[in-house]
Amino acid sequence: MDPAPIYHHSQKYIETASGNKVSKLSTLAGSQNIVLNGKTIVMEGCILRGDLASLKVGKNTVIRENAILRPPFKRFAKGVAFFPLYIGEHVYIGENSIVNCAQVGSYVHIGKNCVLGRLSMLKDCCAVLDGTVLAPDTYVPPFAVYAGNPGRQVGELPEITQELMIDYTWSFYRNMLPMSKKPVKDKEIEDNSKASAP
């Protein structure tokens, strides 16, 4: 099923040559270390921490409001080291989720209000349900569905998950429209006609 249209003010988004749509109300720290590979959406309130380590996001990825993408770290005897964060293609990251993984594969659906612990790894075609908390170093295998706190496998995804996620992320991108394309409701038309009547 296609997502409902999301209307935004064009002046509050930057659209790049490769089709990325990035909210001006998001924070891209260390932008020289952040790579968005095309047709990726970064919505209001998101924080991408490229100042800690490199952060690469595959094409057609959706990063919803107030999500945080933070490269993982590991403590050593001589201090702390940060590692790159890689996110695949056609990934959906829900509102208010914190992604602190080493890797998120392609065709992955992450729900809202999730916390993905540091150095955890999500393989292709998996899902993390709303409110899930993954412990550090968690490995989520392909086609697995994880939920709970701490997150555990609760189900499996169908073999057509790749196609479903491609359709979903493409539909989300197509349905993110400027306010100028928002249809005017019949009531608003009637009110406007009454106001303009002598």
N, C-alpha and C. Protein backbone atom coordinates (compact mmCIF):
# COMPACT_ATOMS: atom_id res chain seq x y z
N MET A 1 0.84 -1.19 0.00
CA MET A 1 0.00 0.00 0.00
C MET A 1 0.88 1.25 0.00
N ASP A 2 0.55 2.21 -0.85
CA ASP A 2 1.33 3.44 -0.93
C ASP A 2 1.15 4.28 0.33
N PRO A 3 2.24 4.93 0.80
CA PRO A 3 2.10 5.86 1.93
C PRO A 3 1.23 7.05 1.53
N ALA A 4 0.56 7.65 2.51
CA ALA A 4 -0.22 8.85 2.23
C ALA A 4 0.71 9.99 1.84
N PRO A 5 0.24 10.91 1.00
CA PRO A 5 1.10 12.04 0.62
C PRO A 5 1.56 12.86 1.83
N ILE A 6 2.81 13.29 1.79
CA ILE A 6 3.37 14.15 2.83
C ILE A 6 3.71 15.47 2.15
N TYR A 7 3.08 16.54 2.62
CA TYR A 7 3.30 17.84 2.00
C TYR A 7 4.29 18.66 2.83
N HIS A 8 5.22 19.31 2.14
CA HIS A 8 6.24 20.09 2.83
C HIS A 8 6.41 21.44 2.14
N HIS A 9 6.94 22.39 2.88
CA HIS A 9 7.22 23.71 2.32
C HIS A 9 8.54 23.63 1.55
N SER A 10 8.51 23.92 0.28
CA SER A 10 9.69 23.78 -0.57
C SER A 10 10.88 24.57 -0.04
N GLN A 11 10.59 25.74 0.57
CA GLN A 11 11.69 26.58 1.04
C GLN A 11 12.37 26.00 2.28
N LYS A 12 11.76 24.97 2.89
CA LYS A 12 12.36 24.36 4.08
C LYS A 12 13.17 23.11 3.75
N TYR A 13 13.25 22.78 2.46
CA TYR A 13 14.02 21.61 2.02
C TYR A 13 15.02 22.01 0.95
N ILE A 14 16.15 21.33 0.95
CA ILE A 14 17.13 21.48 -0.12
C ILE A 14 17.07 20.22 -0.96
N GLU A 15 16.92 20.36 -2.27
CA GLU A 15 16.95 19.21 -3.16
C GLU A 15 18.23 19.26 -3.97
N THR A 16 19.04 18.21 -3.86
CA THR A 16 20.33 18.17 -4.53
C THR A 16 20.19 17.67 -5.97
N ALA A 17 21.29 17.74 -6.70
CA ALA A 17 21.28 17.30 -8.10
C ALA A 17 20.97 15.82 -8.22
N SER A 18 21.33 15.04 -7.21
CA SER A 18 21.07 13.59 -7.25
C SER A 18 19.70 13.23 -6.68
N GLY A 19 18.88 14.26 -6.36
CA GLY A 19 17.51 14.01 -5.93
C GLY A 19 17.32 13.87 -4.44
N ASN A 20 18.37 14.06 -3.63
CA ASN A 20 18.21 14.02 -2.18
C ASN A 20 17.34 15.19 -1.73
N LYS A 21 16.47 14.94 -0.76
CA LYS A 21 15.64 16.00 -0.18
C LYS A 21 16.01 16.10 1.30
N VAL A 22 16.66 17.20 1.66
CA VAL A 22 17.19 17.35 3.01
C VAL A 22 16.55 18.57 3.67
N SER A 23 15.93 18.34 4.82
CA SER A 23 15.30 19.44 5.54
C SER A 23 16.35 20.43 6.05
N LYS A 24 16.03 21.72 5.94
CA LYS A 24 16.91 22.74 6.52
C LYS A 24 16.85 22.73 8.04
N LEU A 25 15.87 22.01 8.61
CA LEU A 25 15.74 21.91 10.06
C LEU A 25 16.41 20.64 10.59
N SER A 26 17.19 19.97 9.76
CA SER A 26 17.98 18.82 10.21
C SER A 26 19.42 19.28 10.44
N THR A 27 20.20 18.44 11.11
CA THR A 27 21.60 18.76 11.40
C THR A 27 22.50 17.71 10.78
N LEU A 28 23.37 18.15 9.87
CA LEU A 28 24.35 17.27 9.26
C LEU A 28 25.73 17.72 9.74
N ALA A 29 26.15 17.18 10.89
CA ALA A 29 27.44 17.56 11.47
C ALA A 29 28.56 16.85 10.72
N GLY A 30 29.61 17.58 10.39
CA GLY A 30 30.70 16.99 9.62
C GLY A 30 30.22 16.56 8.24
N SER A 31 29.56 17.48 7.54
CA SER A 31 28.92 17.13 6.27
C SER A 31 29.92 16.60 5.23
N GLN A 32 31.20 16.94 5.38
CA GLN A 32 32.19 16.43 4.43
C GLN A 32 32.39 14.92 4.55
N ASN A 33 31.93 14.34 5.67
CA ASN A 33 32.05 12.90 5.88
C ASN A 33 30.73 12.16 5.66
N ILE A 34 29.70 12.86 5.17
CA ILE A 34 28.38 12.27 4.96
C ILE A 34 28.13 12.11 3.47
N VAL A 35 27.79 10.90 3.05
CA VAL A 35 27.48 10.64 1.64
C VAL A 35 26.05 10.13 1.55
N LEU A 36 25.21 10.88 0.81
CA LEU A 36 23.85 10.46 0.50
C LEU A 36 23.83 10.11 -0.99
N ASN A 37 23.55 8.86 -1.31
CA ASN A 37 23.77 8.39 -2.68
C ASN A 37 22.65 8.67 -3.67
N GLY A 38 21.65 9.45 -3.28
CA GLY A 38 20.63 9.83 -4.25
C GLY A 38 19.23 9.43 -3.85
N LYS A 39 18.30 10.38 -4.05
CA LYS A 39 16.88 10.17 -3.74
C LYS A 39 16.67 9.71 -2.29
N THR A 40 17.49 10.26 -1.41
CA THR A 40 17.34 10.00 0.02
C THR A 40 16.62 11.18 0.66
N ILE A 41 15.74 10.90 1.62
CA ILE A 41 14.98 11.94 2.31
C ILE A 41 15.48 12.04 3.75
N VAL A 42 15.85 13.25 4.16
CA VAL A 42 16.24 13.53 5.54
C VAL A 42 15.25 14.57 6.07
N MET A 43 14.41 14.19 7.02
CA MET A 43 13.31 15.06 7.45
C MET A 43 13.68 15.92 8.65
N GLU A 44 12.73 16.74 9.11
CA GLU A 44 12.98 17.72 10.15
C GLU A 44 13.49 17.08 11.44
N GLY A 45 14.45 17.76 12.06
CA GLY A 45 14.93 17.32 13.37
C GLY A 45 15.93 16.19 13.36
N CYS A 46 16.26 15.65 12.19
CA CYS A 46 17.23 14.55 12.12
C CYS A 46 18.63 15.06 12.44
N ILE A 47 19.44 14.18 13.02
CA ILE A 47 20.84 14.51 13.31
C ILE A 47 21.71 13.41 12.71
N LEU A 48 22.61 13.79 11.80
CA LEU A 48 23.55 12.85 11.21
C LEU A 48 24.95 13.25 11.67
N ARG A 49 25.61 12.37 12.43
CA ARG A 49 26.87 12.72 13.09
C ARG A 49 28.09 12.32 12.26
N GLY A 50 28.26 12.99 11.15
CA GLY A 50 29.44 12.76 10.33
C GLY A 50 30.71 13.32 10.95
N ASP A 51 30.58 14.09 12.02
CA ASP A 51 31.76 14.63 12.70
C ASP A 51 32.49 13.57 13.52
N LEU A 52 31.83 12.42 13.78
CA LEU A 52 32.44 11.35 14.58
C LEU A 52 33.20 10.37 13.69
N ALA A 53 32.62 10.02 12.55
CA ALA A 53 33.23 9.11 11.58
C ALA A 53 32.40 9.20 10.30
N SER A 54 32.88 8.56 9.24
CA SER A 54 32.15 8.65 7.97
C SER A 54 30.80 7.95 8.07
N LEU A 55 29.85 8.50 7.34
CA LEU A 55 28.48 8.02 7.36
C LEU A 55 27.99 7.95 5.91
N LYS A 56 27.71 6.73 5.44
CA LYS A 56 27.28 6.55 4.05
C LYS A 56 25.88 5.97 4.01
N VAL A 57 25.01 6.63 3.24
CA VAL A 57 23.61 6.22 3.15
C VAL A 57 23.30 5.90 1.70
N GLY A 58 22.76 4.70 1.47
CA GLY A 58 22.44 4.27 0.11
C GLY A 58 21.24 5.01 -0.46
N LYS A 59 21.00 4.81 -1.75
CA LYS A 59 19.93 5.54 -2.44
C LYS A 59 18.55 5.08 -1.97
N ASN A 60 17.60 6.00 -2.15
CA ASN A 60 16.18 5.74 -1.84
C ASN A 60 15.97 5.35 -0.38
N THR A 61 16.69 5.98 0.51
CA THR A 61 16.51 5.75 1.94
C THR A 61 15.67 6.88 2.53
N VAL A 62 14.82 6.54 3.48
CA VAL A 62 13.94 7.52 4.14
C VAL A 62 14.35 7.61 5.61
N ILE A 63 14.72 8.82 6.05
CA ILE A 63 15.08 9.06 7.44
C ILE A 63 14.04 10.01 8.02
N ARG A 64 13.17 9.48 8.86
CA ARG A 64 12.03 10.25 9.35
C ARG A 64 12.41 11.24 10.44
N GLU A 65 11.41 12.02 10.89
CA GLU A 65 11.63 13.13 11.81
C GLU A 65 12.35 12.70 13.09
N ASN A 66 13.33 13.52 13.49
CA ASN A 66 14.04 13.40 14.78
C ASN A 66 14.84 12.10 14.93
N ALA A 67 15.10 11.41 13.83
CA ALA A 67 15.97 10.24 13.91
C ALA A 67 17.43 10.69 14.06
N ILE A 68 18.22 9.87 14.72
CA ILE A 68 19.64 10.18 14.93
C ILE A 68 20.48 9.05 14.35
N LEU A 69 21.41 9.39 13.47
CA LEU A 69 22.35 8.43 12.91
C LEU A 69 23.73 8.78 13.47
N ARG A 70 24.27 7.87 14.28
CA ARG A 70 25.52 8.15 14.99
C ARG A 70 26.48 6.98 14.80
N PRO A 71 27.62 7.19 14.18
CA PRO A 71 28.59 6.10 14.02
C PRO A 71 28.94 5.48 15.38
N PRO A 72 29.15 4.16 15.41
CA PRO A 72 29.40 3.47 16.68
C PRO A 72 30.82 3.70 17.19
N PHE A 73 30.99 3.47 18.48
CA PHE A 73 32.33 3.60 19.06
C PHE A 73 32.67 2.34 19.84
N LYS A 74 33.95 2.20 20.11
CA LYS A 74 34.43 1.08 20.92
C LYS A 74 35.53 1.60 21.83
N ARG A 75 35.47 1.16 23.09
CA ARG A 75 36.47 1.60 24.07
C ARG A 75 37.70 0.70 24.01
N PHE A 76 38.85 1.33 24.03
CA PHE A 76 40.11 0.61 24.11
C PHE A 76 40.89 1.12 25.32
N ALA A 77 41.98 0.45 25.65
CA ALA A 77 42.78 0.85 26.81
C ALA A 77 43.30 2.28 26.65
N LYS A 78 43.56 2.68 25.41
CA LYS A 78 44.13 4.01 25.18
C LYS A 78 43.08 5.06 24.82
N GLY A 79 41.81 4.68 24.86
CA GLY A 79 40.78 5.67 24.56
C GLY A 79 39.61 5.08 23.81
N VAL A 80 38.93 5.93 23.05
CA VAL A 80 37.72 5.55 22.31
C VAL A 80 37.96 5.75 20.82
N ALA A 81 37.50 4.79 20.03
CA ALA A 81 37.60 4.91 18.57
C ALA A 81 36.21 4.81 17.97
N PHE A 82 35.94 5.67 16.99
CA PHE A 82 34.66 5.62 16.26
C PHE A 82 34.86 4.90 14.93
N PHE A 83 33.81 4.19 14.52
CA PHE A 83 33.86 3.41 13.28
C PHE A 83 32.80 3.92 12.30
N PRO A 84 33.03 3.76 11.00
CA PRO A 84 32.06 4.24 10.01
C PRO A 84 30.70 3.55 10.17
N LEU A 85 29.66 4.26 9.75
CA LEU A 85 28.30 3.71 9.74
C LEU A 85 27.86 3.62 8.28
N TYR A 86 27.51 2.42 7.86
CA TYR A 86 27.05 2.18 6.49
C TYR A 86 25.58 1.77 6.50
N ILE A 87 24.79 2.45 5.68
CA ILE A 87 23.36 2.14 5.54
C ILE A 87 23.11 1.83 4.07
N GLY A 88 22.42 0.74 3.81
CA GLY A 88 22.20 0.28 2.44
C GLY A 88 21.13 1.07 1.70
N GLU A 89 20.62 0.47 0.64
CA GLU A 89 19.62 1.10 -0.21
C GLU A 89 18.21 0.69 0.22
N HIS A 90 17.26 1.58 -0.07
CA HIS A 90 15.84 1.32 0.18
C HIS A 90 15.60 0.94 1.65
N VAL A 91 16.12 1.78 2.53
CA VAL A 91 15.98 1.59 3.98
C VAL A 91 15.01 2.64 4.51
N TYR A 92 14.16 2.24 5.43
CA TYR A 92 13.23 3.16 6.09
C TYR A 92 13.58 3.22 7.57
N ILE A 93 13.84 4.44 8.09
CA ILE A 93 14.16 4.65 9.50
C ILE A 93 13.07 5.53 10.10
N GLY A 94 12.36 5.01 11.08
CA GLY A 94 11.19 5.70 11.63
C GLY A 94 11.53 6.86 12.55
N GLU A 95 10.48 7.59 12.95
CA GLU A 95 10.61 8.78 13.77
C GLU A 95 11.26 8.46 15.13
N ASN A 96 12.13 9.36 15.58
CA ASN A 96 12.73 9.32 16.92
C ASN A 96 13.61 8.10 17.16
N SER A 97 14.04 7.41 16.12
CA SER A 97 14.90 6.25 16.30
C SER A 97 16.36 6.66 16.33
N ILE A 98 17.15 5.91 17.09
CA ILE A 98 18.59 6.16 17.22
C ILE A 98 19.33 4.97 16.61
N VAL A 99 20.11 5.25 15.58
CA VAL A 99 20.85 4.20 14.88
C VAL A 99 22.33 4.36 15.20
N ASN A 100 22.87 3.39 15.93
CA ASN A 100 24.27 3.44 16.37
C ASN A 100 24.98 2.17 15.90
N CYS A 101 24.53 1.64 14.76
CA CYS A 101 25.01 0.35 14.25
C CYS A 101 26.35 0.50 13.55
N ALA A 102 26.97 -0.66 13.30
CA ALA A 102 28.11 -0.70 12.40
C ALA A 102 27.61 -0.74 10.96
N GLN A 103 26.49 -1.44 10.75
CA GLN A 103 25.97 -1.58 9.39
C GLN A 103 24.47 -1.87 9.42
N VAL A 104 23.77 -1.22 8.49
CA VAL A 104 22.37 -1.54 8.21
C VAL A 104 22.32 -1.96 6.76
N GLY A 105 21.87 -3.16 6.48
CA GLY A 105 21.83 -3.64 5.11
C GLY A 105 20.78 -2.93 4.27
N SER A 106 20.53 -3.44 3.08
CA SER A 106 19.52 -2.86 2.19
C SER A 106 18.16 -3.50 2.44
N TYR A 107 17.10 -2.77 2.08
CA TYR A 107 15.71 -3.24 2.17
C TYR A 107 15.33 -3.55 3.62
N VAL A 108 15.72 -2.65 4.51
CA VAL A 108 15.49 -2.82 5.95
C VAL A 108 14.45 -1.81 6.41
N HIS A 109 13.53 -2.25 7.26
CA HIS A 109 12.52 -1.35 7.84
C HIS A 109 12.76 -1.24 9.34
N ILE A 110 13.04 -0.01 9.79
CA ILE A 110 13.26 0.27 11.22
C ILE A 110 12.08 1.13 11.68
N GLY A 111 11.37 0.67 12.68
CA GLY A 111 10.20 1.40 13.16
C GLY A 111 10.56 2.66 13.92
N LYS A 112 9.54 3.30 14.51
CA LYS A 112 9.78 4.53 15.27
C LYS A 112 10.17 4.20 16.71
N ASN A 113 10.86 5.16 17.34
CA ASN A 113 11.26 5.06 18.76
C ASN A 113 12.13 3.83 19.05
N CYS A 114 12.95 3.45 18.09
CA CYS A 114 13.86 2.32 18.28
C CYS A 114 15.24 2.83 18.71
N VAL A 115 15.96 1.98 19.42
CA VAL A 115 17.36 2.26 19.77
C VAL A 115 18.17 1.05 19.31
N LEU A 116 19.05 1.27 18.33
CA LEU A 116 19.87 0.19 17.80
C LEU A 116 21.27 0.34 18.38
N GLY A 117 21.61 -0.57 19.29
CA GLY A 117 22.84 -0.46 20.08
C GLY A 117 24.10 -0.42 19.24
N ARG A 118 25.15 0.09 19.85
CA ARG A 118 26.40 0.31 19.12
C ARG A 118 27.00 -0.99 18.61
N LEU A 119 27.51 -0.88 17.38
CA LEU A 119 28.16 -1.99 16.69
C LEU A 119 27.21 -3.15 16.38
N SER A 120 25.89 -2.94 16.53
CA SER A 120 24.96 -3.97 16.09
C SER A 120 24.96 -4.00 14.56
N MET A 121 24.51 -5.10 14.00
CA MET A 121 24.55 -5.27 12.55
C MET A 121 23.22 -5.83 12.06
N LEU A 122 22.60 -5.11 11.13
CA LEU A 122 21.34 -5.54 10.53
C LEU A 122 21.62 -5.95 9.10
N LYS A 123 21.34 -7.19 8.77
CA LYS A 123 21.56 -7.68 7.41
C LYS A 123 20.40 -7.28 6.50
N ASP A 124 20.50 -7.61 5.23
CA ASP A 124 19.48 -7.23 4.25
C ASP A 124 18.12 -7.83 4.59
N CYS A 125 17.07 -7.10 4.20
CA CYS A 125 15.69 -7.61 4.25
C CYS A 125 15.28 -8.06 5.65
N CYS A 126 15.54 -7.22 6.64
CA CYS A 126 15.05 -7.51 7.99
C CYS A 126 14.21 -6.33 8.47
N ALA A 127 13.57 -6.49 9.64
CA ALA A 127 12.71 -5.44 10.18
C ALA A 127 12.87 -5.36 11.69
N VAL A 128 12.82 -4.12 12.19
CA VAL A 128 12.85 -3.86 13.63
C VAL A 128 11.57 -3.10 13.95
N LEU A 129 10.73 -3.67 14.80
CA LEU A 129 9.42 -3.08 15.07
C LEU A 129 9.52 -1.87 16.00
N ASP A 130 8.44 -1.07 16.03
CA ASP A 130 8.39 0.15 16.84
C ASP A 130 8.80 -0.13 18.29
N GLY A 131 9.62 0.79 18.85
CA GLY A 131 9.97 0.71 20.26
C GLY A 131 10.99 -0.35 20.63
N THR A 132 11.61 -0.98 19.66
CA THR A 132 12.58 -2.04 19.95
C THR A 132 13.91 -1.44 20.41
N VAL A 133 14.55 -2.10 21.37
CA VAL A 133 15.88 -1.71 21.83
C VAL A 133 16.81 -2.89 21.59
N LEU A 134 17.76 -2.71 20.68
CA LEU A 134 18.76 -3.75 20.41
C LEU A 134 19.99 -3.52 21.28
N ALA A 135 20.44 -4.56 21.96
CA ALA A 135 21.65 -4.47 22.77
C ALA A 135 22.87 -4.28 21.87
N PRO A 136 23.96 -3.73 22.40
CA PRO A 136 25.18 -3.60 21.60
C PRO A 136 25.61 -4.94 21.03
N ASP A 137 26.17 -4.89 19.82
CA ASP A 137 26.71 -6.08 19.12
C ASP A 137 25.63 -7.07 18.71
N THR A 138 24.37 -6.66 18.68
CA THR A 138 23.30 -7.56 18.22
C THR A 138 23.44 -7.82 16.72
N TYR A 139 23.24 -9.06 16.33
CA TYR A 139 23.26 -9.44 14.91
C TYR A 139 21.83 -9.82 14.50
N VAL A 140 21.29 -9.09 13.52
CA VAL A 140 19.94 -9.37 13.03
C VAL A 140 20.07 -10.01 11.65
N PRO A 141 19.71 -11.29 11.52
CA PRO A 141 19.91 -12.00 10.25
C PRO A 141 18.90 -11.58 9.19
N PRO A 142 19.16 -11.93 7.93
CA PRO A 142 18.21 -11.60 6.86
C PRO A 142 16.83 -12.19 7.12
N PHE A 143 15.81 -11.41 6.77
CA PHE A 143 14.39 -11.80 6.85
C PHE A 143 13.88 -11.96 8.28
N ALA A 144 14.65 -11.55 9.28
CA ALA A 144 14.21 -11.66 10.67
C ALA A 144 13.42 -10.42 11.07
N VAL A 145 12.45 -10.60 11.96
CA VAL A 145 11.70 -9.50 12.56
C VAL A 145 12.06 -9.47 14.04
N TYR A 146 12.55 -8.31 14.51
CA TYR A 146 12.94 -8.16 15.91
C TYR A 146 12.01 -7.19 16.62
N ALA A 147 11.76 -7.45 17.91
CA ALA A 147 10.91 -6.57 18.71
C ALA A 147 11.28 -6.73 20.17
N GLY A 148 10.84 -5.74 20.99
CA GLY A 148 11.00 -5.85 22.44
C GLY A 148 12.22 -5.14 22.97
N ASN A 149 12.36 -5.22 24.30
CA ASN A 149 13.49 -4.63 25.02
C ASN A 149 13.95 -5.60 26.10
N PRO A 150 15.06 -6.31 25.88
CA PRO A 150 15.93 -6.22 24.70
C PRO A 150 15.33 -6.90 23.49
N GLY A 151 15.74 -6.44 22.31
CA GLY A 151 15.17 -6.97 21.08
C GLY A 151 15.48 -8.44 20.85
N ARG A 152 14.46 -9.18 20.47
CA ARG A 152 14.60 -10.60 20.14
C ARG A 152 13.81 -10.90 18.88
N GLN A 153 14.16 -11.97 18.20
CA GLN A 153 13.44 -12.33 16.99
C GLN A 153 12.05 -12.82 17.34
N VAL A 154 11.06 -12.25 16.66
CA VAL A 154 9.66 -12.61 16.92
C VAL A 154 8.95 -13.12 15.66
N GLY A 155 9.65 -13.12 14.53
CA GLY A 155 9.01 -13.57 13.31
C GLY A 155 9.96 -13.52 12.13
N GLU A 156 9.42 -13.80 10.95
CA GLU A 156 10.19 -13.78 9.72
C GLU A 156 9.44 -13.01 8.64
N LEU A 157 10.19 -12.45 7.71
CA LEU A 157 9.62 -11.70 6.60
C LEU A 157 9.52 -12.60 5.37
N PRO A 158 8.62 -12.27 4.44
CA PRO A 158 8.48 -13.09 3.22
C PRO A 158 9.67 -12.89 2.28
N GLU A 159 9.79 -13.79 1.34
CA GLU A 159 10.90 -13.73 0.39
C GLU A 159 10.82 -12.51 -0.54
N ILE A 160 9.65 -11.92 -0.66
CA ILE A 160 9.49 -10.76 -1.54
C ILE A 160 9.76 -9.44 -0.81
N THR A 161 10.40 -9.49 0.36
CA THR A 161 10.66 -8.28 1.14
C THR A 161 11.44 -7.25 0.34
N GLN A 162 12.41 -7.68 -0.45
CA GLN A 162 13.19 -6.73 -1.24
C GLN A 162 12.28 -5.91 -2.15
N GLU A 163 11.41 -6.58 -2.87
CA GLU A 163 10.50 -5.88 -3.78
C GLU A 163 9.54 -4.96 -3.02
N LEU A 164 9.07 -5.43 -1.86
CA LEU A 164 8.16 -4.61 -1.06
C LEU A 164 8.83 -3.32 -0.59
N MET A 165 10.09 -3.43 -0.14
CA MET A 165 10.79 -2.24 0.36
C MET A 165 11.15 -1.29 -0.78
N ILE A 166 11.48 -1.83 -1.94
CA ILE A 166 11.74 -0.96 -3.10
C ILE A 166 10.48 -0.17 -3.43
N ASP A 167 9.35 -0.86 -3.48
CA ASP A 167 8.08 -0.19 -3.78
C ASP A 167 7.74 0.86 -2.72
N TYR A 168 7.96 0.50 -1.45
CA TYR A 168 7.58 1.40 -0.36
C TYR A 168 8.42 2.67 -0.36
N THR A 169 9.74 2.53 -0.49
CA THR A 169 10.59 3.72 -0.45
C THR A 169 10.41 4.59 -1.69
N TRP A 170 10.20 3.95 -2.83
CA TRP A 170 9.92 4.72 -4.05
C TRP A 170 8.61 5.49 -3.89
N SER A 171 7.59 4.82 -3.36
CA SER A 171 6.29 5.48 -3.17
C SER A 171 6.41 6.64 -2.20
N PHE A 172 7.19 6.45 -1.12
CA PHE A 172 7.37 7.52 -0.14
C PHE A 172 8.02 8.73 -0.82
N TYR A 173 9.03 8.48 -1.63
CA TYR A 173 9.72 9.57 -2.32
C TYR A 173 8.76 10.30 -3.26
N ARG A 174 7.98 9.54 -4.02
CA ARG A 174 7.04 10.15 -4.98
C ARG A 174 5.93 10.93 -4.27
N ASN A 175 5.55 10.46 -3.06
CA ASN A 175 4.44 11.09 -2.35
C ASN A 175 4.86 12.22 -1.42
N MET A 176 6.14 12.55 -1.41
CA MET A 176 6.60 13.71 -0.64
C MET A 176 6.55 14.92 -1.56
N LEU A 177 5.50 15.71 -1.42
CA LEU A 177 5.17 16.74 -2.38
C LEU A 177 5.22 18.14 -1.75
N PRO A 178 5.53 19.15 -2.56
CA PRO A 178 5.47 20.53 -2.05
C PRO A 178 4.04 20.95 -1.74
N MET A 179 3.89 21.89 -0.83
CA MET A 179 2.55 22.36 -0.43
C MET A 179 1.76 22.87 -1.61
N SER A 180 2.42 23.36 -2.63
CA SER A 180 1.72 23.91 -3.80
C SER A 180 0.90 22.85 -4.52
N LYS A 181 1.22 21.56 -4.30
CA LYS A 181 0.48 20.49 -4.95
C LYS A 181 -0.59 19.88 -4.05
N LYS A 182 -0.76 20.46 -2.85
CA LYS A 182 -1.79 19.95 -1.94
C LYS A 182 -3.16 20.28 -2.48
N PRO A 183 -4.04 19.29 -2.61
CA PRO A 183 -5.38 19.58 -3.15
C PRO A 183 -6.17 20.46 -2.19
N VAL A 184 -6.93 21.39 -2.77
CA VAL A 184 -7.76 22.27 -1.95
C VAL A 184 -9.08 21.55 -1.66
N LYS A 185 -9.49 21.51 -0.40
CA LYS A 185 -10.71 20.81 -0.02
C LYS A 185 -11.94 21.56 -0.53
N ASP A 186 -13.01 20.82 -0.75
CA ASP A 186 -14.25 21.43 -1.27
C ASP A 186 -14.73 22.55 -0.36
N LYS A 187 -14.60 22.34 0.97
CA LYS A 187 -15.07 23.36 1.90
C LYS A 187 -14.28 24.65 1.74
N GLU A 188 -12.96 24.52 1.51
CA GLU A 188 -12.13 25.70 1.33
C GLU A 188 -12.54 26.44 0.06
N ILE A 189 -12.91 25.69 -0.98
CA ILE A 189 -13.36 26.32 -2.23
C ILE A 189 -14.65 27.09 -1.98
N GLU A 190 -15.58 26.47 -1.23
CA GLU A 190 -16.85 27.15 -0.93
C GLU A 190 -16.61 28.41 -0.11
N ASP A 191 -15.75 28.30 0.91
CA ASP A 191 -15.47 29.47 1.76
C ASP A 191 -14.86 30.59 0.94
N ASN A 192 -13.93 30.25 0.03
CA ASN A 192 -13.29 31.27 -0.79
C ASN A 192 -14.29 31.93 -1.72
N SER A 193 -15.22 31.11 -2.27
CA SER A 193 -16.21 31.68 -3.19
C SER A 193 -17.17 32.61 -2.45
N LYS A 194 -17.51 32.24 -1.19
CA LYS A 194 -18.40 33.11 -0.39
C LYS A 194 -17.71 34.41 -0.05
N ALA A 195 -16.44 34.31 0.29
CA ALA A 195 -15.69 35.51 0.67
C ALA A 195 -15.55 36.46 -0.49
N SER A 196 -15.44 35.91 -1.72
CA SER A 196 -15.25 36.79 -2.89
C SER A 196 -16.58 37.30 -3.43
N ALA A 197 -17.72 36.74 -2.95
CA ALA A 197 -19.02 37.19 -3.44
C ALA A 197 -19.31 38.60 -2.95
N PRO A 198 -19.99 39.44 -3.79
CA PRO A 198 -20.28 40.84 -3.37
C PRO A 198 -21.33 40.90 -2.28
